[in-house]
PDB file of N, CA and C in Angstrom:
ATOM      1  N   MET A   1      12.168  -6.740  29.475  1.00  0.00           N
ATOM      2  CA  MET A   1      11.123  -7.260  29.698  1.00  0.00           C
ATOM      3  C   MET A   1      11.114  -8.449  29.033  1.00  0.00           C
ATOM      4  N   LEU A   2      10.540  -9.407  30.016  1.00  0.00           N
ATOM      5  CA  LEU A   2      10.341 -10.866  29.298  1.00  0.00           C
ATOM      6  C   LEU A   2       8.792 -11.502  29.613  1.00  0.00           C
ATOM      7  N   ASP A   3       8.365 -12.128  28.641  1.00  0.00           N
ATOM      8  CA  ASP A   3       7.090 -12.773  28.906  1.00  0.00           C
ATOM      9  C   ASP A   3       7.451 -14.169  29.465  1.00  0.00           C
ATOM     10  N   LYS A   4       6.412 -14.703  29.929  1.00  0.00           N
ATOM     11  CA  LYS A   4       6.253 -16.522  30.411  1.00  0.00           C
ATOM     12  C   LYS A   4       7.106 -17.131  29.946  1.00  0.00           C
ATOM     13  N   GLU A   5       7.370 -16.902  28.653  1.00  0.00           N
ATOM     14  CA  GLU A   5       8.167 -17.954  27.745  1.00  0.00           C
ATOM     15  C   GLU A   5       9.667 -17.332  27.309  1.00  0.00           C
ATOM     16  N   ASN A   6      10.007 -16.209  28.384  1.00  0.00           N
ATOM     17  CA  ASN A   6      11.247 -15.758  28.584  1.00  0.00           C
ATOM     18  C   ASN A   6      11.818 -15.379  26.991  1.00  0.00           C
ATOM     19  N   LYS A   7      10.914 -14.638  26.552  1.00  0.00           N
ATOM     20  CA  LYS A   7      10.976 -14.123  25.326  1.00  0.00           C
ATOM     21  C   LYS A   7      11.049 -12.507  25.332  1.00  0.00           C
ATOM     22  N   ASN A   8      11.609 -11.913  24.794  1.00  0.00           N
ATOM     23  CA  ASN A   8      11.838 -10.349  24.689  1.00  0.00           C
ATOM     24  C   ASN A   8      10.652  -9.674  24.657  1.00  0.00           C
ATOM     25  N   VAL A   9      10.100  -8.746  25.113  1.00  0.00           N
ATOM     26  CA  VAL A   9       8.610  -8.103  25.125  1.00  0.00           C
ATOM     27  C   VAL A   9       9.384  -6.527  24.608  1.00  0.00           C
ATOM     28  N   VAL A  10       9.009  -5.907  23.556  1.00  0.00           N
ATOM     29  CA  VAL A  10       9.094  -4.301  23.556  1.00  0.00           C
ATOM     30  C   VAL A  10       7.690  -3.893  23.604  1.00  0.00           C
ATOM     31  N   ILE A  11       7.866  -2.593  24.015  1.00  0.00           N
ATOM     32  CA  ILE A  11       6.338  -1.652  24.242  1.00  0.00           C
ATOM     33  C   ILE A  11       7.109  -0.526  23.207  1.00  0.00           C
ATOM     34  N   VAL A  12       5.744  -0.257  22.479  1.00  0.00           N
ATOM     35  CA  VAL A  12       6.267   0.762  21.212  1.00  0.00           C
ATOM     36  C   VAL A  12       4.487   1.175  21.511  1.00  0.00           C
ATOM     37  N   SER A  13       4.511   2.602  20.875  1.00  0.00           N
ATOM     38  CA  SER A  13       3.451   3.503  20.684  1.00  0.00           C
ATOM     39  C   SER A  13       2.452   2.720  19.829  1.00  0.00           C
ATOM     40  N   GLN A  14       1.169   2.834  19.809  1.00  0.00           N
ATOM     41  CA  GLN A  14       0.367   2.461  18.793  1.00  0.00           C
ATOM     42  C   GLN A  14       0.775   2.653  17.017  1.00  0.00           C
ATOM     43  N   ALA A  15       0.871   4.183  17.246  1.00  0.00           N
ATOM     44  CA  ALA A  15       1.406   4.736  15.905  1.00  0.00           C
ATOM     45  C   ALA A  15       2.924   4.329  15.407  1.00  0.00           C
ATOM     46  N   GLU A  16       3.624   4.134  16.272  1.00  0.00           N
ATOM     47  CA  GLU A  16       5.114   3.339  15.567  1.00  0.00           C
ATOM     48  C   GLU A  16       4.598   1.914  15.270  1.00  0.00           C
ATOM     49  N   TYR A  17       3.911   1.251  16.222  1.00  0.00           N
ATOM     50  CA  TYR A  17       3.809   0.022  15.801  1.00  0.00           C
ATOM     51  C   TYR A  17       2.933  -0.379  14.058  1.00  0.00           C
ATOM     52  N   GLU A  18       1.858   0.921  14.274  1.00  0.00           N
ATOM     53  CA  GLU A  18       1.327   0.761  12.596  1.00  0.00           C
ATOM     54  C   GLU A  18       2.125   1.053  11.693  1.00  0.00           C
ATOM     55  N   GLU A  19       3.483   1.917  12.058  1.00  0.00           N
ATOM     56  CA  GLU A  19       4.629   2.166  11.077  1.00  0.00           C
ATOM     57  C   GLU A  19       5.323   0.845  10.893  1.00  0.00           C
ATOM     58  N   LEU A  20       5.808   0.267  11.884  1.00  0.00           N
ATOM     59  CA  LEU A  20       6.255  -0.973  11.310  1.00  0.00           C
ATOM     60  C   LEU A  20       5.618  -2.340  10.704  1.00  0.00           C
ATOM     61  N   GLN A  21       4.242  -2.116  10.902  1.00  0.00           N
ATOM     62  CA  GLN A  21       3.216  -3.004  10.231  1.00  0.00           C
ATOM     63  C   GLN A  21       3.496  -2.711   8.554  1.00  0.00           C
ATOM     64  N   ASN A  22       3.280  -1.286   8.556  1.00  0.00           N
ATOM     65  CA  ASN A  22       2.943  -0.898   7.146  1.00  0.00           C
ATOM     66  C   ASN A  22       4.426  -0.969   6.205  1.00  0.00           C
ATOM     67  N   ALA A  23       5.513  -0.668   7.227  1.00  0.00           N
ATOM     68  CA  ALA A  23       6.734  -1.049   6.550  1.00  0.00           C
ATOM     69  C   ALA A  23       7.177  -2.404   6.045  1.00  0.00           C
ATOM     70  N   LYS A  24       6.434  -3.314   6.945  1.00  0.00           N
ATOM     71  CA  LYS A  24       6.658  -4.614   6.675  1.00  0.00           C
ATOM     72  C   LYS A  24       5.653  -5.199   5.345  1.00  0.00           C
ATOM     73  N   ARG A  25       4.332  -4.108   5.240  1.00  0.00           N
ATOM     74  CA  ARG A  25       3.460  -4.881   4.052  1.00  0.00           C
ATOM     75  C   ARG A  25       4.553  -4.112   2.933  1.00  0.00           C
ATOM     76  N   VAL A  26       4.729  -2.950   2.696  1.00  0.00           N
ATOM     77  CA  VAL A  26       5.663  -2.630   1.655  1.00  0.00           C
ATOM     78  C   VAL A  26       6.763  -3.392   1.303  1.00  0.00           C
ATOM     79  N   ALA A  27       7.621  -3.995   2.395  1.00  0.00           N
ATOM     80  CA  ALA A  27       8.436  -4.720   1.910  1.00  0.00           C
ATOM     81  C   ALA A  27       8.229  -6.436   1.392  1.00  0.00           C
ATOM     82  N   GLU A  28       6.733  -6.526   1.684  1.00  0.00           N
ATOM     83  CA  GLU A  28       6.256  -7.715   1.173  1.00  0.00           C
ATOM     84  C   GLU A  28       5.867  -7.597  -0.243  1.00  0.00           C
ATOM     85  N   TYR A  29       5.181  -6.003  -0.496  1.00  0.00           N
ATOM     86  CA  TYR A  29       4.884  -5.928  -1.987  1.00  0.00           C
ATOM     87  C   TYR A  29       6.112  -5.647  -2.718  1.00  0.00           C
ATOM     88  N   TYR A  30       6.570  -5.148  -2.101  1.00  0.00           N
ATOM     89  CA  TYR A  30       8.315  -5.041  -2.817  1.00  0.00           C
ATOM     90  C   TYR A  30       9.117  -6.331  -3.691  1.00  0.00           C
ATOM     91  N   ALA A  31       8.766  -7.380  -2.665  1.00  0.00           N
ATOM     92  CA  ALA A  31       9.435  -8.671  -2.818  1.00  0.00           C
ATOM     93  C   ALA A  31       8.406  -9.305  -3.983  1.00  0.00           C
ATOM     94  N   MET A  32       7.315  -8.970  -3.942  1.00  0.00           N
ATOM     95  CA  MET A  32       6.374  -9.672  -4.611  1.00  0.00           C
ATOM     96  C   MET A  32       6.489  -9.330  -6.240  1.00  0.00           C
ATOM     97  N   LEU A  33       6.545  -7.398  -6.130  1.00  0.00           N
ATOM     98  CA  LEU A  33       6.956  -6.870  -7.752  1.00  0.00           C
ATOM     99  C   LEU A  33       8.131  -7.455  -8.238  1.00  0.00           C
ATOM    100  N   ASP A  34       9.384  -7.545  -7.446  1.00  0.00           N
ATOM    101  CA  ASP A  34      10.509  -8.311  -7.771  1.00  0.00           C
ATOM    102  C   ASP A  34      10.525  -9.662  -8.652  1.00  0.00           C
ATOM    103  N   LYS A  35       9.624 -10.393  -7.850  1.00  0.00           N
ATOM    104  CA  LYS A  35       9.580 -11.808  -7.928  1.00  0.00           C
ATOM    105  C   LYS A  35       8.659 -11.810  -9.586  1.00  0.00           C
ATOM    106  N   SER A  36       7.709 -11.068  -9.971  1.00  0.00           N
ATOM    107  CA  SER A  36       6.626 -11.014 -10.674  1.00  0.00           C
ATOM    108  C   SER A  36       7.812 -10.286 -12.000  1.00  0.00           C
ATOM    109  N   PHE A  37       8.642  -9.039 -11.933  1.00  0.00           N
ATOM    110  CA  PHE A  37       9.566  -8.849 -12.400  1.00  0.00           C
ATOM    111  C   PHE A  37      10.677  -9.887 -13.337  1.00  0.00           C
ATOM    112  N   GLU A  38      10.945 -10.412 -12.445  1.00  0.00           N
ATOM    113  CA  GLU A  38      12.266 -12.131 -12.652  1.00  0.00           C
ATOM    114  C   GLU A  38      11.438 -13.033 -13.599  1.00  0.00           C
ATOM    115  N   GLU A  39       9.986 -13.229 -13.325  1.00  0.00           N
ATOM    116  CA  GLU A  39       8.902 -13.714 -14.046  1.00  0.00           C
ATOM    117  C   GLU A  39       9.124 -13.385 -15.274  1.00  0.00           C
ATOM    118  N   LEU A  40       8.764 -12.071 -15.659  1.00  0.00           N
ATOM    119  CA  LEU A  40       8.484 -11.613 -16.861  1.00  0.00           C
ATOM    120  C   LEU A  40      10.197 -11.391 -17.584  1.00  0.00           C
ATOM    121  N   LYS A  41      11.222 -11.121 -16.956  1.00  0.00           N
ATOM    122  CA  LYS A  41      12.484 -11.216 -17.767  1.00  0.00           C
ATOM    123  C   LYS A  41      12.517 -12.580 -18.267  1.00  0.00           C
ATOM    124  N   ARG A  42      12.183 -13.792 -17.432  1.00  0.00           N
ATOM    125  CA  ARG A  42      12.339 -15.230 -18.370  1.00  0.00           C
ATOM    126  C   ARG A  42      11.258 -15.578 -19.253  1.00  0.00           C
ATOM    127  N   GLY A  43      10.051 -14.662 -19.416  1.00  0.00           N
ATOM    128  CA  GLY A  43       9.018 -15.125 -20.096  1.00  0.00           C
ATOM    129  C   GLY A  43       8.201 -15.757 -19.673  1.00  0.00           C
ATOM    130  N   ASP A  44       8.025 -15.949 -18.138  1.00  0.00           N
ATOM    131  CA  ASP A  44       7.126 -16.976 -17.607  1.00  0.00           C
ATOM    132  C   ASP A  44       5.658 -15.901 -17.341  1.00  0.00           C
ATOM    133  N   VAL A  45       5.116 -15.717 -18.669  1.00  0.00           N
ATOM    134  CA  VAL A  45       3.995 -14.913 -18.547  1.00  0.00           C
ATOM    135  C   VAL A  45       2.430 -15.575 -19.736  1.00  0.00           C
ATOM    136  N   VAL A  46       1.465 -15.077 -19.300  1.00  0.00           N
ATOM    137  CA  VAL A  46       0.563 -15.452 -20.381  1.00  0.00           C
ATOM    138  C   VAL A  46      -0.185 -14.153 -20.609  1.00  0.00           C
ATOM    139  N   VAL A  47      -0.214 -14.206 -22.158  1.00  0.00           N
ATOM    140  CA  VAL A  47      -0.308 -12.811 -22.737  1.00  0.00           C
ATOM    141  C   VAL A  47      -2.095 -13.138 -23.303  1.00  0.00           C
ATOM    142  N   LYS A  48      -2.875 -12.410 -22.920  1.00  0.00           N
ATOM    143  CA  LYS A  48      -4.634 -12.715 -22.996  1.00  0.00           C
ATOM    144  C   LYS A  48      -4.471 -11.033 -23.943  1.00  0.00           C
ATOM    145  N   SER A  49      -5.661 -11.199 -24.817  1.00  0.00           N
ATOM    146  CA  SER A  49      -5.894  -9.838 -25.618  1.00  0.00           C
ATOM    147  C   SER A  49      -7.305  -9.652 -24.602  1.00  0.00           C
ATOM    148  N   LEU A  50      -7.739  -8.141 -24.870  1.00  0.00           N
ATOM    149  CA  LEU A  50      -8.969  -7.426 -24.225  1.00  0.00           C
ATOM    150  C   LEU A  50     -10.047  -8.422 -24.114  1.00  0.00           C
ATOM    151  N   GLU A  51     -10.183  -8.657 -25.420  1.00  0.00           N
ATOM    152  CA  GLU A  51     -11.455  -9.924 -25.957  1.00  0.00           C
ATOM    153  C   GLU A  51     -11.402 -11.080 -24.980  1.00  0.00           C
ATOM    154  N   GLU A  52     -10.284 -11.492 -25.082  1.00  0.00           N
ATOM    155  CA  GLU A  52     -10.229 -12.822 -24.187  1.00  0.00           C
ATOM    156  C   GLU A  52     -10.554 -12.423 -22.673  1.00  0.00           C
ATOM    157  N   LEU A  53      -9.878 -11.728 -22.062  1.00  0.00           N
ATOM    158  CA  LEU A  53     -10.110 -11.200 -20.790  1.00  0.00           C
ATOM    159  C   LEU A  53     -11.609 -11.363 -20.300  1.00  0.00           C
ATOM    160  N   ARG A  54     -12.574 -10.215 -21.295  1.00  0.00           N
ATOM    161  CA  ARG A  54     -13.809  -9.902 -21.317  1.00  0.00           C
ATOM    162  C   ARG A  54     -14.738 -11.303 -21.277  1.00  0.00           C
ATOM    163  N   GLY A  55     -13.993 -12.483 -22.225  1.00  0.00           N
ATOM    164  CA  GLY A  55     -14.688 -13.403 -22.224  1.00  0.00           C
ATOM    165  C   GLY A  55     -14.614 -14.294 -21.187  1.00  0.00           C
ATOM    166  N   MET A  56     -13.529 -14.136 -20.549  1.00  0.00           N
ATOM    167  CA  MET A  56     -13.203 -15.173 -19.209  1.00  0.00           C
ATOM    168  C   MET A  56     -13.982 -14.501 -17.940  1.00  0.00           C
ATOM    169  N   GLU A  57     -14.770 -13.290 -17.995  1.00  0.00           N
ATOM    170  CA  GLU A  57     -15.283 -12.531 -17.129  1.00  0.00           C
ATOM    171  C   GLU A  57     -16.989 -13.604 -16.987  1.00  0.00           C
ATOM    172  N   ASN A  58     -17.554 -13.980 -18.052  1.00  0.00           N
ATOM    173  CA  ASN A  58     -18.453 -15.055 -18.173  1.00  0.00           C
ATOM    174  C   ASN A  58     -18.203 -16.224 -17.636  1.00  0.00           C
ATOM    175  N   GLU A  59     -17.428 -17.137 -17.718  1.00  0.00           N
ATOM    176  CA  GLU A  59     -16.886 -18.146 -17.518  1.00  0.00           C
ATOM    177  C   GLU A  59     -17.082 -18.803 -15.970  1.00  0.00           C
TER     178      GLU A  59
END
């Protein structure tokens, strides 16, 4: 099936669409975790004590 712009159109159930959307979100989350882990390995982090974090709440 093609739309007005000659692009393919696929029909799936709502449940399958939601599964695909969830899989996409999970993949994006894992990519973010991988990036964060690489930053951690490079030492690209900021270290704060609990007291410093509590102080930042009021800023």
